[in-house]
């Protein structure tokens, strides 16, 4: 396996579980092949499963392809259930293994890029909003300033610029953050229904009022 893969990969090898863990912690390889039958008990898969778990505890994104003997499908399926990404039965078919490793590497890159993006956005975001420009930082500063105070706030801006997101951010940082925030799009409600939408109505108050309706103010 080593000589077959060395052209496309930097290959590190270990003969037992302690050595494998030592190399893994030091080198952090994104892909690993793991024989479930490891010394000093090659007659069973206990050491292999233990090694699998310890590696995933160290790096949950590690892609591990387990190697099993013929007729050990149950062990292979158990390994998949414990977090391995794929399995192969001996004797190894190197060309098939190369395909599996290439796919595992691709998935590994995608997952790690996603993790980095999530980390970046979590650091750069403010209550779900992204913005590193000076203008956006001014908006965030104003939200921090007005949110703890007990004053009405008017948010203005063109359609689609995120006024409701700003309102949500103010609410989340206000003393009322444990209570409901009820949003309403007045432009989407016909003028004749606006009063009923805001203040509610009793059953039979007008034609078509078949039931009592709670208004947005009461909900809030």
Protein backbone atom coordinates (compact mmCIF):
# COMPACT_ATOMS: atom_id res chain seq x y z
CA UNK A 1 0.00 0.00 0.00
CA UNK A 2 2.78 2.43 0.90
CA UNK A 3 4.64 2.05 -2.38
CA UNK A 4 1.43 2.09 -4.38
CA UNK A 5 0.28 5.38 -2.84
CA UNK A 6 3.54 7.23 -2.42
CA UNK A 7 3.30 8.97 -5.81
CA UNK A 8 0.12 10.80 -4.85
CA UNK A 9 0.35 11.04 -1.05
CA UNK A 10 2.74 11.65 1.78
CA UNK A 11 2.49 8.23 3.44
CA UNK A 12 3.08 7.66 7.14
CA UNK A 13 2.86 4.17 8.63
CA UNK A 14 2.49 2.65 12.10
CA UNK A 15 2.58 -0.96 13.26
CA UNK A 16 0.33 -0.65 16.31
CA UNK A 17 -2.23 1.57 18.05
CA UNK A 18 0.15 3.64 20.26
CA UNK A 19 2.39 4.46 17.29
CA UNK A 20 -0.60 5.32 15.13
CA UNK A 21 -1.94 7.74 17.75
CA UNK A 22 1.50 9.28 18.21
CA UNK A 23 1.86 9.94 14.48
CA UNK A 24 -1.71 11.15 14.16
CA UNK A 25 -1.41 13.70 16.99
CA UNK A 26 1.88 14.98 15.58
CA UNK A 27 1.14 15.06 11.83
CA UNK A 28 -2.69 15.45 11.76
CA UNK A 29 -3.21 13.54 8.47
CA UNK A 30 -6.70 14.19 7.06
CA UNK A 31 -7.01 10.63 5.67
CA UNK A 32 -6.12 7.36 7.35
CA UNK A 33 -6.39 3.67 6.56
CA UNK A 34 -6.86 1.51 9.63
CA UNK A 35 -6.58 -2.27 9.93
CA UNK A 36 -9.03 -3.32 12.63
CA UNK A 37 -6.86 -6.29 13.67
CA UNK A 38 -3.92 -4.68 15.44
CA UNK A 39 -1.14 -6.04 17.65
CA UNK A 40 -0.87 -7.28 20.31
CA UNK A 41 -4.28 -8.92 19.69
CA UNK A 42 -4.52 -9.49 15.92
CA UNK A 43 -7.12 -12.17 16.58
CA UNK A 44 -9.84 -9.64 17.33
CA UNK A 45 -10.84 -6.09 16.42
CA UNK A 46 -10.86 -4.53 19.90
CA UNK A 47 -7.65 -2.54 19.39
CA UNK A 48 -8.77 -1.37 15.97
CA UNK A 49 -12.09 -0.03 17.24
CA UNK A 50 -10.34 1.63 20.16
CA UNK A 51 -7.88 3.29 17.79
CA UNK A 52 -10.75 4.44 15.57
CA UNK A 53 -12.52 6.09 18.51
CA UNK A 54 -9.38 7.76 19.85
CA UNK A 55 -8.53 9.25 16.46
CA UNK A 56 -12.05 10.63 15.98
CA UNK A 57 -11.95 12.05 19.51
CA UNK A 58 -8.76 13.84 18.50
CA UNK A 59 -10.15 15.05 15.15
CA UNK A 60 -13.84 14.42 14.35
CA UNK A 61 -13.23 15.44 10.72
CA UNK A 62 -10.58 12.77 10.09
CA UNK A 63 -11.49 10.44 7.24
CA UNK A 64 -10.73 6.83 8.23
CA UNK A 65 -10.99 3.93 5.81
CA UNK A 66 -11.01 0.68 7.79
CA UNK A 67 -9.46 -2.51 6.45
CA UNK A 68 -11.12 -5.78 7.38
CA UNK A 69 -10.64 -9.44 6.65
CA UNK A 70 -12.89 -11.44 4.37
CA UNK A 71 -16.19 -12.31 6.04
CA UNK A 72 -15.99 -9.42 8.55
CA UNK A 73 -18.75 -7.31 7.11
CA UNK A 74 -20.37 -6.83 10.51
CA UNK A 75 -17.15 -5.31 11.85
CA UNK A 76 -16.93 -3.05 8.82
CA UNK A 77 -20.51 -1.84 9.26
CA UNK A 78 -19.91 -1.29 12.98
CA UNK A 79 -16.87 0.81 12.11
CA UNK A 80 -18.96 2.92 9.73
CA UNK A 81 -21.49 3.40 12.50
CA UNK A 82 -18.71 4.57 14.82
CA UNK A 83 -17.53 7.22 12.36
CA UNK A 84 -15.32 5.58 9.70
CA UNK A 85 -15.93 6.99 6.24
CA UNK A 86 -15.56 3.71 4.29
CA UNK A 87 -14.17 0.15 4.46
CA UNK A 88 -12.26 -2.35 2.36
CA UNK A 89 -11.87 -6.09 2.65
CA UNK A 90 -8.57 -7.88 2.12
CA UNK A 91 -6.98 -8.54 -0.28
CA UNK A 92 -6.69 -4.85 -1.19
CA UNK A 93 -7.51 -3.63 -4.69
CA UNK A 94 -5.19 -0.65 -4.91
CA UNK A 95 -6.93 1.14 -7.80
CA UNK A 96 -10.26 0.95 -5.98
CA UNK A 97 -8.59 2.17 -2.80
CA UNK A 98 -7.16 5.16 -4.67
CA UNK A 99 -10.66 6.15 -5.76
CA UNK A 100 -11.94 5.90 -2.19
CA UNK A 101 -9.01 7.90 -0.81
CA UNK A 102 -9.46 10.59 -3.46
CA UNK A 103 -13.12 10.92 -2.54
CA UNK A 104 -12.30 10.98 1.17
CA UNK A 105 -9.75 13.73 0.57
CA UNK A 106 -12.28 15.78 -1.36
CA UNK A 107 -14.91 15.46 1.38
CA UNK A 108 -12.29 16.28 4.01
CA UNK A 109 -11.34 19.51 2.22
CA UNK A 110 -14.98 20.54 1.89
CA UNK A 111 -15.69 19.92 5.57
CA UNK A 112 -12.59 21.77 6.74
CA UNK A 113 -13.30 24.72 4.44
CA UNK A 114 -16.85 24.83 5.80
CA UNK A 115 -15.52 24.80 9.36
CA UNK A 116 -13.13 27.66 8.58
CA UNK A 117 -15.93 29.66 6.97
CA UNK A 118 -18.20 29.09 9.97
CA UNK A 119 -15.40 30.20 12.28
CA UNK A 120 -14.77 33.29 10.14
CA UNK A 121 -18.42 34.25 9.97
CA UNK A 122 -18.98 33.66 13.68
CA UNK A 123 -16.09 36.00 14.43
CA UNK A 124 -17.12 38.61 11.88
CA UNK A 125 -20.88 38.46 12.40
CA UNK A 126 -22.98 40.58 14.72
CA UNK A 127 -26.31 39.05 15.75
CA UNK A 128 -26.53 37.23 12.42
CA UNK A 129 -25.39 40.21 10.31
CA UNK A 130 -22.11 40.34 8.40
CA UNK A 131 -20.20 43.52 7.79
CA UNK A 132 -16.60 44.69 8.21
CA UNK A 133 -16.91 48.10 6.53
CA UNK A 134 -16.79 51.28 8.60
CA UNK A 135 -20.46 52.04 7.81
CA UNK A 136 -21.63 48.65 9.07
CA UNK A 137 -19.47 48.93 12.17
CA UNK A 138 -21.20 52.27 12.84
CA UNK A 139 -24.58 50.48 12.58
CA UNK A 140 -23.43 47.79 15.01
CA UNK A 141 -22.15 50.45 17.42
CA UNK A 142 -25.50 52.26 17.32
CA UNK A 143 -27.34 48.98 18.02
CA UNK A 144 -25.13 48.39 21.07
CA UNK A 145 -25.85 51.94 22.22
CA UNK A 146 -29.64 51.99 21.92
CA UNK A 147 -30.47 48.36 22.77
CA UNK A 148 -30.13 48.59 26.57
CA UNK A 149 -32.12 51.85 26.76
CA UNK A 150 -35.89 52.13 27.14
CA UNK A 151 -36.60 54.45 24.20
CA UNK A 152 -38.43 54.06 20.88
CA UNK A 153 -36.13 53.46 17.89
CA UNK A 154 -36.91 54.30 14.28
CA UNK A 155 -34.92 52.30 11.72
CA UNK A 156 -34.86 53.73 8.20
CA UNK A 157 -33.38 52.42 4.99
CA UNK A 158 -34.15 51.24 1.49
CA UNK A 159 -36.05 48.02 0.86
CA UNK A 160 -33.90 44.94 1.34
CA UNK A 161 -31.14 46.59 3.39
CA UNK A 162 -31.93 44.61 6.54
CA UNK A 163 -34.08 46.86 8.72
CA UNK A 164 -35.84 43.88 10.32
CA UNK A 165 -32.47 42.26 11.05
CA UNK A 166 -31.42 45.44 12.86
CA UNK A 167 -34.68 45.36 14.82
CA UNK A 168 -34.03 41.73 15.76
CA UNK A 169 -30.48 42.61 16.88
CA UNK A 170 -31.75 45.48 19.07
CA UNK A 171 -34.35 43.17 20.61
CA UNK A 172 -31.79 40.42 21.30
CA UNK A 173 -29.59 42.91 23.17
CA UNK A 174 -32.41 44.68 24.99
CA UNK A 175 -33.85 44.13 28.46
CA UNK A 176 -36.86 42.52 26.71
CA UNK A 177 -34.83 39.85 24.93
CA UNK A 178 -36.70 37.11 26.80
CA UNK A 179 -40.04 38.33 25.42
CA UNK A 180 -41.58 38.08 21.96
CA UNK A 181 -40.75 40.39 19.06
CA UNK A 182 -43.66 40.53 16.60
CA UNK A 183 -42.79 41.73 13.09
CA UNK A 184 -45.36 43.06 10.65
CA UNK A 185 -45.09 44.15 7.01
CA UNK A 186 -47.66 46.92 6.71
CA UNK A 187 -47.16 47.24 2.94
CA UNK A 188 -48.39 43.66 2.51
CA UNK A 189 -51.69 44.29 4.36
CA UNK A 190 -54.64 46.06 2.64
CA UNK A 191 -55.59 49.32 4.32
CA UNK A 192 -59.05 48.00 5.21
CA UNK A 193 -57.53 45.12 7.19
CA UNK A 194 -54.68 46.99 8.86
CA UNK A 195 -56.67 48.03 11.95
CA UNK A 196 -57.88 44.47 12.50
CA UNK A 197 -54.34 43.12 11.99
CA UNK A 198 -52.85 45.52 14.52
CA UNK A 199 -55.60 45.63 17.16
CA UNK A 200 -57.53 42.41 16.49
CA UNK A 201 -61.31 42.01 16.48
CA UNK A 202 -64.10 40.15 18.20
CA UNK A 203 -66.20 37.47 16.56
CA UNK A 204 -68.99 39.05 14.50
CA UNK A 205 -67.47 42.55 14.58
CA UNK A 206 -67.90 42.75 10.80
CA UNK A 207 -68.89 40.57 7.89
CA UNK A 208 -66.48 37.67 7.63
CA UNK A 209 -65.27 37.92 11.25
CA UNK A 210 -66.04 34.29 12.07
CA UNK A 211 -63.78 34.12 15.12
CA UNK A 212 -61.99 36.34 17.59
CA UNK A 213 -58.60 37.48 16.27
CA UNK A 214 -55.74 38.54 18.51
CA UNK A 215 -54.00 41.67 17.24
CA UNK A 216 -50.27 42.08 16.79
CA UNK A 217 -50.02 44.55 19.67
CA UNK A 218 -51.70 42.10 22.03
CA UNK A 219 -49.41 39.30 20.85
CA UNK A 220 -46.40 41.49 21.51
